[in-house]
C-alpha atoms as a PDB file:
ATOM      1  CA  UNK A   1     -15.955 -13.926  -7.924  1.00  0.00           C
ATOM      2  CA  UNK A   2     -13.835 -16.612  -6.350  1.00  0.00           C
ATOM      3  CA  UNK A   3     -12.168 -15.904  -3.002  1.00  0.00           C
ATOM      4  CA  UNK A   4      -8.471 -16.667  -2.785  1.00  0.00           C
ATOM      5  CA  UNK A   5      -6.711 -17.767   0.373  1.00  0.00           C
ATOM      6  CA  UNK A   6      -3.160 -17.799  -0.968  1.00  0.00           C
ATOM      7  CA  UNK A   7      -0.632 -15.382   0.464  1.00  0.00           C
ATOM      8  CA  UNK A   8       0.531 -14.188  -2.933  1.00  0.00           C
ATOM      9  CA  UNK A   9      -1.735 -12.024  -5.111  1.00  0.00           C
ATOM     10  CA  UNK A  10      -3.195 -13.551  -8.242  1.00  0.00           C
ATOM     11  CA  UNK A  11      -2.816 -11.771 -11.562  1.00  0.00           C
ATOM     12  CA  UNK A  12      -5.958 -11.491 -13.655  1.00  0.00           C
ATOM     13  CA  UNK A  13      -5.604 -10.424 -17.268  1.00  0.00           C
ATOM     14  CA  UNK A  14      -8.412  -9.105 -19.431  1.00  0.00           C
ATOM     15  CA  UNK A  15      -8.273  -7.583 -22.877  1.00  0.00           C
ATOM     16  CA  UNK A  16      -8.083  -4.164 -21.166  1.00  0.00           C
ATOM     17  CA  UNK A  17      -5.527  -4.598 -18.411  1.00  0.00           C
ATOM     18  CA  UNK A  18      -3.793  -6.768 -15.864  1.00  0.00           C
ATOM     19  CA  UNK A  19      -4.665  -6.399 -12.184  1.00  0.00           C
ATOM     20  CA  UNK A  20      -3.903  -8.128  -8.917  1.00  0.00           C
ATOM     21  CA  UNK A  21      -6.582  -9.751  -6.798  1.00  0.00           C
ATOM     22  CA  UNK A  22      -5.275  -9.554  -3.269  1.00  0.00           C
ATOM     23  CA  UNK A  23      -6.065 -12.233  -0.727  1.00  0.00           C
ATOM     24  CA  UNK A  24      -8.422 -11.176   2.070  1.00  0.00           C
ATOM     25  CA  UNK A  25      -5.624 -10.801   4.626  1.00  0.00           C
ATOM     26  CA  UNK A  26      -3.999  -8.108   2.447  1.00  0.00           C
ATOM     27  CA  UNK A  27      -7.157  -6.012   1.966  1.00  0.00           C
ATOM     28  CA  UNK A  28      -8.646  -3.379   4.226  1.00  0.00           C
ATOM     29  CA  UNK A  29     -11.016  -4.855   6.834  1.00  0.00           C
ATOM     30  CA  UNK A  30     -14.756  -4.795   6.107  1.00  0.00           C
ATOM     31  CA  UNK A  31     -16.355  -1.578   7.254  1.00  0.00           C
ATOM     32  CA  UNK A  32     -13.126   0.375   6.817  1.00  0.00           C
ATOM     33  CA  UNK A  33     -13.692   3.513   4.832  1.00  0.00           C
ATOM     34  CA  UNK A  34     -10.818   4.123   2.490  1.00  0.00           C
ATOM     35  CA  UNK A  35     -10.763   7.497   0.823  1.00  0.00           C
ATOM     36  CA  UNK A  36      -8.177   9.080  -1.449  1.00  0.00           C
ATOM     37  CA  UNK A  37      -6.042  11.733   0.223  1.00  0.00           C
ATOM     38  CA  UNK A  38      -4.034  14.451  -1.471  1.00  0.00           C
ATOM     39  CA  UNK A  39      -0.357  14.756  -0.624  1.00  0.00           C
ATOM     40  CA  UNK A  40       2.187  17.105  -2.148  1.00  0.00           C
ATOM     41  CA  UNK A  41       5.149  15.178  -3.518  1.00  0.00           C
ATOM     42  CA  UNK A  42       7.945  16.573  -5.646  1.00  0.00           C
ATOM     43  CA  UNK A  43       8.691  15.107  -9.047  1.00  0.00           C
ATOM     44  CA  UNK A  44      11.970  13.644  -7.769  1.00  0.00           C
ATOM     45  CA  UNK A  45      10.203  12.055  -4.783  1.00  0.00           C
ATOM     46  CA  UNK A  46       7.570  10.538  -7.067  1.00  0.00           C
ATOM     47  CA  UNK A  47      10.240   9.061  -9.342  1.00  0.00           C
ATOM     48  CA  UNK A  48      11.872   7.484  -6.285  1.00  0.00           C
ATOM     49  CA  UNK A  49       8.517   6.205  -4.950  1.00  0.00           C
ATOM     50  CA  UNK A  50       7.620   4.645  -8.302  1.00  0.00           C
ATOM     51  CA  UNK A  51      11.044   2.989  -8.523  1.00  0.00           C
ATOM     52  CA  UNK A  52      10.751   1.426  -5.051  1.00  0.00           C
ATOM     53  CA  UNK A  53       7.184   0.323  -5.780  1.00  0.00           C
ATOM     54  CA  UNK A  54       8.282  -1.204  -9.066  1.00  0.00           C
ATOM     55  CA  UNK A  55      11.081  -3.090  -7.292  1.00  0.00           C
ATOM     56  CA  UNK A  56       8.416  -4.558  -4.982  1.00  0.00           C
ATOM     57  CA  UNK A  57       6.106  -5.214  -7.967  1.00  0.00           C
ATOM     58  CA  UNK A  58       3.439  -3.060  -6.295  1.00  0.00           C
ATOM     59  CA  UNK A  59       1.583   0.113  -7.207  1.00  0.00           C
ATOM     60  CA  UNK A  60       2.937   3.452  -6.085  1.00  0.00           C
ATOM     61  CA  UNK A  61      -0.250   4.016  -4.047  1.00  0.00           C
ATOM     62  CA  UNK A  62       0.343   0.749  -2.166  1.00  0.00           C
ATOM     63  CA  UNK A  63       3.921   1.796  -1.496  1.00  0.00           C
ATOM     64  CA  UNK A  64       2.852   5.237  -0.240  1.00  0.00           C
ATOM     65  CA  UNK A  65       0.298   3.676   2.131  1.00  0.00           C
ATOM     66  CA  UNK A  66       2.905   1.292   3.519  1.00  0.00           C
ATOM     67  CA  UNK A  67       5.318   4.200   4.062  1.00  0.00           C
ATOM     68  CA  UNK A  68       2.625   6.197   5.877  1.00  0.00           C
ATOM     69  CA  UNK A  69       1.823   3.225   8.125  1.00  0.00           C
ATOM     70  CA  UNK A  70       5.526   2.682   8.882  1.00  0.00           C
ATOM     71  CA  UNK A  71       5.950   6.371   9.610  1.00  0.00           C
ATOM     72  CA  UNK A  72       2.970   6.394  11.984  1.00  0.00           C
ATOM     73  CA  UNK A  73       4.323   3.346  13.793  1.00  0.00           C
ATOM     74  CA  UNK A  74       7.738   4.969  14.129  1.00  0.00           C
ATOM     75  CA  UNK A  75       6.196   8.208  15.377  1.00  0.00           C
ATOM     76  CA  UNK A  76       4.116   6.369  18.000  1.00  0.00           C
ATOM     77  CA  UNK A  77       7.232   4.560  19.276  1.00  0.00           C
ATOM     78  CA  UNK A  78       9.050   7.895  19.442  1.00  0.00           C
ATOM     79  CA  UNK A  79       6.212   9.445  21.465  1.00  0.00           C
ATOM     80  CA  UNK A  80       6.132   6.461  23.841  1.00  0.00           C
ATOM     81  CA  UNK A  81       9.880   6.770  24.387  1.00  0.00           C
ATOM     82  CA  UNK A  82       9.629  10.525  25.101  1.00  0.00           C
ATOM     83  CA  UNK A  83       6.809  10.038  27.619  1.00  0.00           C
ATOM     84  CA  UNK A  84       8.889   7.772  29.873  1.00  0.00           C
END
């Protein structure tokens, strides 16, 4: 497998599907354990999530992870502000 250093993902098409190969800087760091987590989301929320992800040309799981990371960052800033 060839490593890619471009910023943009590369699309690879096989007779089964099309997938993105993300550059190393967009992947989880080596040694990071990534496990699926269950989250309850309403049907309406999922429709909205899939629409936003589609607009970004990303998967809905990528979009959900980004939203969680943004939410954690926001929460940490909020806690830091309250502790002053």
